[in-house]
Amino acid sequence: RWGTREADASGGAWGEPAFTSCTEVFASTLDYIWYGGGRAAAAGPYTDMGGGREEGQGSNGLVLTGLLELPGLSHATQDRGLPSESYPSDHLTLLARFRLNNAP
């Protein structure tokens, strides 16, 4: 499901996530998806971006159309950090959806 909501103080869809890996004593951002497009708001469980230059279109014609929303730290640490039953890796999954914009 790709939804829409405003970005929050933790960085939202743009900027560095609060964390991508955590244990009982450690939480940090170790994983990234690099993209040089425009900016847009966060959403959940996926971020839905528009299609214009101000809404996620890079100069290469690649348009960011969505991002997987990451869980909050309190949710990810319910079972004393990662990995857990809900998150089977010690790193969270990062997922982005793009489309090619062939317009000149």
C-alpha atoms as a PDB file:
ATOM      1  CA  ARG A   1       0.000   0.000   0.000  1.00  0.00           C
ATOM      2  CA  TRP A   2       1.374   3.396  -0.948  1.00  0.00           C
ATOM      3  CA  GLY A   3      -0.183   6.160   1.193  1.00  0.00           C
ATOM      4  CA  THR A   4       0.396   9.840   1.937  1.00  0.00           C
ATOM      5  CA  ARG A   5       1.168  11.869   5.069  1.00  0.00           C
ATOM      6  CA  GLU A   6       3.445  14.751   6.046  1.00  0.00           C
ATOM      7  CA  ALA A   7       7.120  14.231   6.896  1.00  0.00           C
ATOM      8  CA  ASP A   8       7.832  14.177  10.629  1.00  0.00           C
ATOM      9  CA  ALA A   9      10.679  15.514  12.772  1.00  0.00           C
ATOM     10  CA  SER A  10      12.700  12.279  12.451  1.00  0.00           C
ATOM     11  CA  GLY A  11      13.587  13.138   8.860  1.00  0.00           C
ATOM     12  CA  GLY A  12      10.508  11.676   7.195  1.00  0.00           C
ATOM     13  CA  ALA A  13      11.009  10.327   3.707  1.00  0.00           C
ATOM     14  CA  TRP A  14      13.868  12.702   2.983  1.00  0.00           C
ATOM     15  CA  GLY A  15      17.025  13.021   4.962  1.00  0.00           C
ATOM     16  CA  GLU A  16      18.703  10.410   7.083  1.00  0.00           C
ATOM     17  CA  PRO A  17      16.457   7.937   8.936  1.00  0.00           C
ATOM     18  CA  ALA A  18      16.734   7.886  12.740  1.00  0.00           C
ATOM     19  CA  PHE A  19      18.207   4.361  12.469  1.00  0.00           C
ATOM     20  CA  THR A  20      18.439   1.376  10.124  1.00  0.00           C
ATOM     21  CA  SER A  21      20.033  -1.030  12.611  1.00  0.00           C
ATOM     22  CA  CYS A  22      19.564  -1.368  16.366  1.00  0.00           C
ATOM     23  CA  THR A  23      20.322  -3.638  19.307  1.00  0.00           C
ATOM     24  CA  GLU A  24      19.716  -3.254  23.045  1.00  0.00           C
ATOM     25  CA  VAL A  25      22.638  -0.809  23.287  1.00  0.00           C
ATOM     26  CA  PHE A  26      23.057   0.588  19.751  1.00  0.00           C
ATOM     27  CA  ALA A  27      20.910   2.387  17.186  1.00  0.00           C
ATOM     28  CA  SER A  28      22.356   4.061  14.107  1.00  0.00           C
ATOM     29  CA  THR A  29      21.830   4.665  10.404  1.00  0.00           C
ATOM     30  CA  LEU A  30      24.108   2.307   8.487  1.00  0.00           C
ATOM     31  CA  ASP A  31      22.135   1.797   5.260  1.00  0.00           C
ATOM     32  CA  TYR A  32      21.162   4.252   2.521  1.00  0.00           C
ATOM     33  CA  ILE A  33      19.507   4.543  -0.883  1.00  0.00           C
ATOM     34  CA  TRP A  34      21.229   7.345  -2.779  1.00  0.00           C
ATOM     35  CA  TYR A  35      19.055   9.381  -5.148  1.00  0.00           C
ATOM     36  CA  GLY A  36      19.630  12.885  -6.452  1.00  0.00           C
ATOM     37  CA  GLY A  37      16.040  13.917  -7.203  1.00  0.00           C
ATOM     38  CA  GLY A  38      13.711  16.492  -5.674  1.00  0.00           C
ATOM     39  CA  ARG A  39      12.083  16.478  -2.235  1.00  0.00           C
ATOM     40  CA  ALA A  40       8.694  15.172  -1.113  1.00  0.00           C
ATOM     41  CA  ALA A  41       6.754  14.292   2.058  1.00  0.00           C
ATOM     42  CA  ALA A  42       6.763  10.992   3.981  1.00  0.00           C
ATOM     43  CA  ALA A  43       3.913   8.483   4.121  1.00  0.00           C
ATOM     44  CA  GLY A  44       3.007   5.100   5.467  1.00  0.00           C
ATOM     45  CA  PRO A  45       3.315   2.294   5.169  1.00  0.00           C
ATOM     46  CA  TYR A  46       4.791   3.703   1.958  1.00  0.00           C
ATOM     47  CA  THR A  47       5.551   7.252   0.934  1.00  0.00           C
ATOM     48  CA  ASP A  48       3.679   8.408  -2.154  1.00  0.00           C
ATOM     49  CA  MET A  49       5.407  11.045  -4.248  1.00  0.00           C
ATOM     50  CA  GLY A  50       3.940  13.072  -7.079  1.00  0.00           C
ATOM     51  CA  GLY A  51       5.368  13.250 -10.567  1.00  0.00           C
ATOM     52  CA  GLY A  52       6.684  16.789 -11.104  1.00  0.00           C
ATOM     53  CA  ARG A  53      10.197  18.161 -10.687  1.00  0.00           C
ATOM     54  CA  GLU A  54       9.335  19.586  -7.247  1.00  0.00           C
ATOM     55  CA  GLU A  55       7.835  16.244  -6.259  1.00  0.00           C
ATOM     56  CA  GLY A  56      10.673  13.791  -6.749  1.00  0.00           C
ATOM     57  CA  GLN A  57      11.931  14.113 -10.339  1.00  0.00           C
ATOM     58  CA  GLY A  58      15.691  14.034 -10.809  1.00  0.00           C
ATOM     59  CA  SER A  59      17.485  15.726 -13.696  1.00  0.00           C
ATOM     60  CA  ASN A  60      18.067  12.274 -15.247  1.00  0.00           C
ATOM     61  CA  GLY A  61      14.318  11.690 -15.742  1.00  0.00           C
ATOM     62  CA  LEU A  62      14.105   9.235 -12.846  1.00  0.00           C
ATOM     63  CA  VAL A  63      11.103   9.986 -10.606  1.00  0.00           C
ATOM     64  CA  LEU A  64      10.900   8.764  -7.025  1.00  0.00           C
ATOM     65  CA  THR A  65       7.302   7.609  -6.520  1.00  0.00           C
ATOM     66  CA  GLY A  66       7.455   5.938  -3.120  1.00  0.00           C
ATOM     67  CA  LEU A  67       9.452   4.881  -0.071  1.00  0.00           C
ATOM     68  CA  LEU A  68       8.818   2.181   2.511  1.00  0.00           C
ATOM     69  CA  GLU A  69       8.146   3.792   5.892  1.00  0.00           C
ATOM     70  CA  LEU A  70      10.500   2.558   8.610  1.00  0.00           C
ATOM     71  CA  PRO A  71       9.239   1.603  12.088  1.00  0.00           C
ATOM     72  CA  GLY A  72       9.916   3.813  15.071  1.00  0.00           C
ATOM     73  CA  LEU A  73      12.690   2.918  17.509  1.00  0.00           C
ATOM     74  CA  SER A  74      10.240   1.916  20.259  1.00  0.00           C
ATOM     75  CA  HIS A  75       8.556  -0.568  17.893  1.00  0.00           C
ATOM     76  CA  ALA A  76      11.828  -2.007  16.583  1.00  0.00           C
ATOM     77  CA  THR A  77      13.215  -2.497  20.102  1.00  0.00           C
ATOM     78  CA  GLN A  78      10.152  -4.229  21.621  1.00  0.00           C
ATOM     79  CA  ASP A  79      12.061  -7.537  21.484  1.00  0.00           C
ATOM     80  CA  ARG A  80      15.368  -5.998  22.653  1.00  0.00           C
ATOM     81  CA  GLY A  81      16.414  -4.797  19.227  1.00  0.00           C
ATOM     82  CA  LEU A  82      17.041  -6.419  15.880  1.00  0.00           C
ATOM     83  CA  PRO A  83      16.825  -9.106  14.673  1.00  0.00           C
ATOM     84  CA  SER A  84      13.412 -10.057  16.048  1.00  0.00           C
ATOM     85  CA  GLU A  85      10.336 -12.035  15.052  1.00  0.00           C
ATOM     86  CA  SER A  86       8.957  -8.983  13.223  1.00  0.00           C
ATOM     87  CA  TYR A  87      12.294  -7.951  11.683  1.00  0.00           C
ATOM     88  CA  PRO A  88      14.437 -11.037  10.914  1.00  0.00           C
ATOM     89  CA  SER A  89      17.602  -9.073  10.058  1.00  0.00           C
ATOM     90  CA  ASP A  90      19.719  -6.754  12.174  1.00  0.00           C
ATOM     91  CA  HIS A  91      19.180  -4.125   9.434  1.00  0.00           C
ATOM     92  CA  LEU A  92      15.809  -2.712   8.360  1.00  0.00           C
ATOM     93  CA  THR A  93      14.674  -3.156   4.759  1.00  0.00           C
ATOM     94  CA  LEU A  94      14.983  -0.024   2.639  1.00  0.00           C
ATOM     95  CA  LEU A  95      12.701   0.099  -0.384  1.00  0.00           C
ATOM     96  CA  ALA A  96      12.158   2.827  -2.973  1.00  0.00           C
ATOM     97  CA  ARG A  97       9.883   2.875  -6.002  1.00  0.00           C
ATOM     98  CA  PHE A  98      10.950   4.829  -9.114  1.00  0.00           C
ATOM     99  CA  ARG A  99       9.588   5.395 -12.607  1.00  0.00           C
ATOM    100  CA  LEU A 100      11.227   6.730 -15.742  1.00  0.00           C
ATOM    101  CA  ASN A 101       9.879  10.031 -16.990  1.00  0.00           C
ATOM    102  CA  ASN A 102      10.515  10.081 -20.737  1.00  0.00           C
ATOM    103  CA  ALA A 103       9.155  13.597 -21.201  1.00  0.00           C
ATOM    104  CA  PRO A 104      11.787  16.120 -22.437  1.00  0.00           C
END
